[in-house]
Amino acid sequence: MYNTSFIKKILLAVTVVLLYSCDKDFNAIGDNLIGDDHFGLESEKYDVVAYNQEVTPIQSNALPINALGIFDNPLFGSTTANYNTQVTLAAYPPTLGEITEIESVVLNIPYFSHATAADEKGGNVYALDSIFGAPNGKLKLSVYESGYQMRSSYFENGNQVAQLYYTDQNTVFSGNKIGALLNDDVNEAQNKRFFFDAAQKKDSTLAEGSTTKYNVTYSVPEMRLNLNKTFFLDKILKASASKLATQEVFQEYFRGLYFQVEKTDSNDPTNMAMINFAQGKITIKYKAKTDSTTDGDAVESRSVIINLTGNTANLLDETKAPEYTTAITNVNSTTGDDRLYLKGGQGSLAVLNIFGTTDLIGYDTEGNVVNGPNGVPDQLDEIRQNVVNKKWLANEANLVFYIDSEKMTGTKEPKRIYLYDLDNNIPIIDYAADGSSTITNDPKMGKVIYSGIINVDATSKRGNYYKFRLTNHIRNIIKDKTVKNVRLGLVITDDISVVASNKLKLKNNVISEAPRASVISPLGTILYGGTSTVPDDKRLKLEIYYTKPN
């Protein structure tokens, strides 16, 4: 008996492994995520009411990556992304010594990039990642001292509340910039005609004890700006010791940097980069007298490091295209919209009512919960009756969002979209239960069973659709009448592992926040909705595969 039980357990384990392997057997850009062989299972399709929802000014502080630049998209409009950040000293207080000369002040911020080949002269050839717009775009880049104190919290009615900053506050930060341009180098590539340079950086330093030999080091592509030496001599090297004593005092004294972008005077094509500013730093190199009493007037080279860390804000000015404006303002929340416009940043999302439910939850203008009309949807009632009376078993449930390829022609498509529980602003259970990892080199492309990864046509190299598996979510709704059939949200995502939400500046009667990973993507896509005017082969439907006993 023991041996029989053991063999059964082994067979069960092998079966589970084989089924899981089949689940993972598709490529990273979405091929074969649809049209699987379901071994004779019978499918039923159900209506989905889906409509557009504008994302109004939204929290943009403490984002993991931030946009800088100008991105023009003919379908959605133009986005200008500026940035403000606090700064911190690498050490408090810094040991400066008796300064004799300031040598250089350099701002370095690495770009996202990958090596494509070895450079015959040394190092590597690189390509930049996360660049949107004209490949050779140019910008007028201005870096200023910021005069705006970015506090972490404030008190309201006796309670300490986190201070939030929003995408629409550019005029606030721009109005508080101080003094003259800091990146005032004569080389216009550092200011008036700045561009995101994919070339690796090469640095040469004299070898110790030599006057002719140099050590050469290579760095990945980065923003590298020469900043005004006089400003940093006065602001940092000649500052009173008390101003540099602690982080709190220093950040009140030197409130940060404001990065401003504009079109060039020549009106060049523009572009935008996603950047991890927290990896940036300012290096102040100077000469100071040595501490040794035996060297007399000897000097040595020293440096002070200022990190681009602390509170931050990504500031987005949006100019929407006419068709996009119409789509997100003339919304039909009852029968749904023909096209769903998803856009990152201060953009838009889609609201989905599975089974066409009208049992909604929302917010009024003061942030109070508002319940809509109640009622069990007919489709859901029928499914529950079939499960109970006819012993149907729901084996798999999918949503497929077809891309309007005609409208999207010639535009950059997002690799991924994200489906979530909009009422509670959390992932659905299928996301949480999916432990699969990425099968490419991109760490943002995990959760390949839950998916949302773009399916790309092998011939046109353009996207066909995005597919989600929400089997567990649907099963829970079917089997338990106490489980609320929540609204689902659909957004662009930059990183599937980021599921936190950012708050809207002003809540509305549909949403109060939106996923953070959408805020950090400038891209957009246009999908077919679930209305009767959409061609049947493109129409959004919920498809459930059942085992139906004879």
Foldseek 3Di string as FASTA:
>chain_A
DVVVVVVVVVVVVVVVVVVVVVLPPDALQDPPLPPDDPPPFDKDWFFKFKAKAFQAWFFFKPFQWFKAKWAADQAWGIKHKKKWFFKAWPDAQDDQAAFDWWDFKKKKFFFAWDFDAADPVGDGQIDGPFKHWDPWFWWAKFKFQWQDADDQWDDDPRDTGGDTDIQACPCVRVVGTDDDTFLPDPPCCLGQTPDQDQDWDKDWDDDPPDDPDIDIDIGGGIRMGTTDLVVCCVLPVVDDSVCRRDRVSVCNSRVTMIMGIDQHPVRGIMMMGIGRQQRMKMKTKGKHADPDPVVPRDIDIDIIIMGRDDMMGIHMDGDTHPVQVCRNPVMDSQRHDQKYKFFFASGMWMKMQASSDPFAWFAAQVGDIDTTDDDDRPVLVVLLCCCVPQVKDFDWKKWKWFFPCVVCPPGDDFQFKAKAQQVVLFRAVLQVPQPAARPDPDRLSGSVSQWRGFDADPVVRDTTIGMGIRRVRSVVVSPDVVDDSGMMMMHRFPGSVQRDWIARPTGHGHHGIGGSRRSSDRDMTMTGEAHPVHPPVRHIIMMTTIDGDD
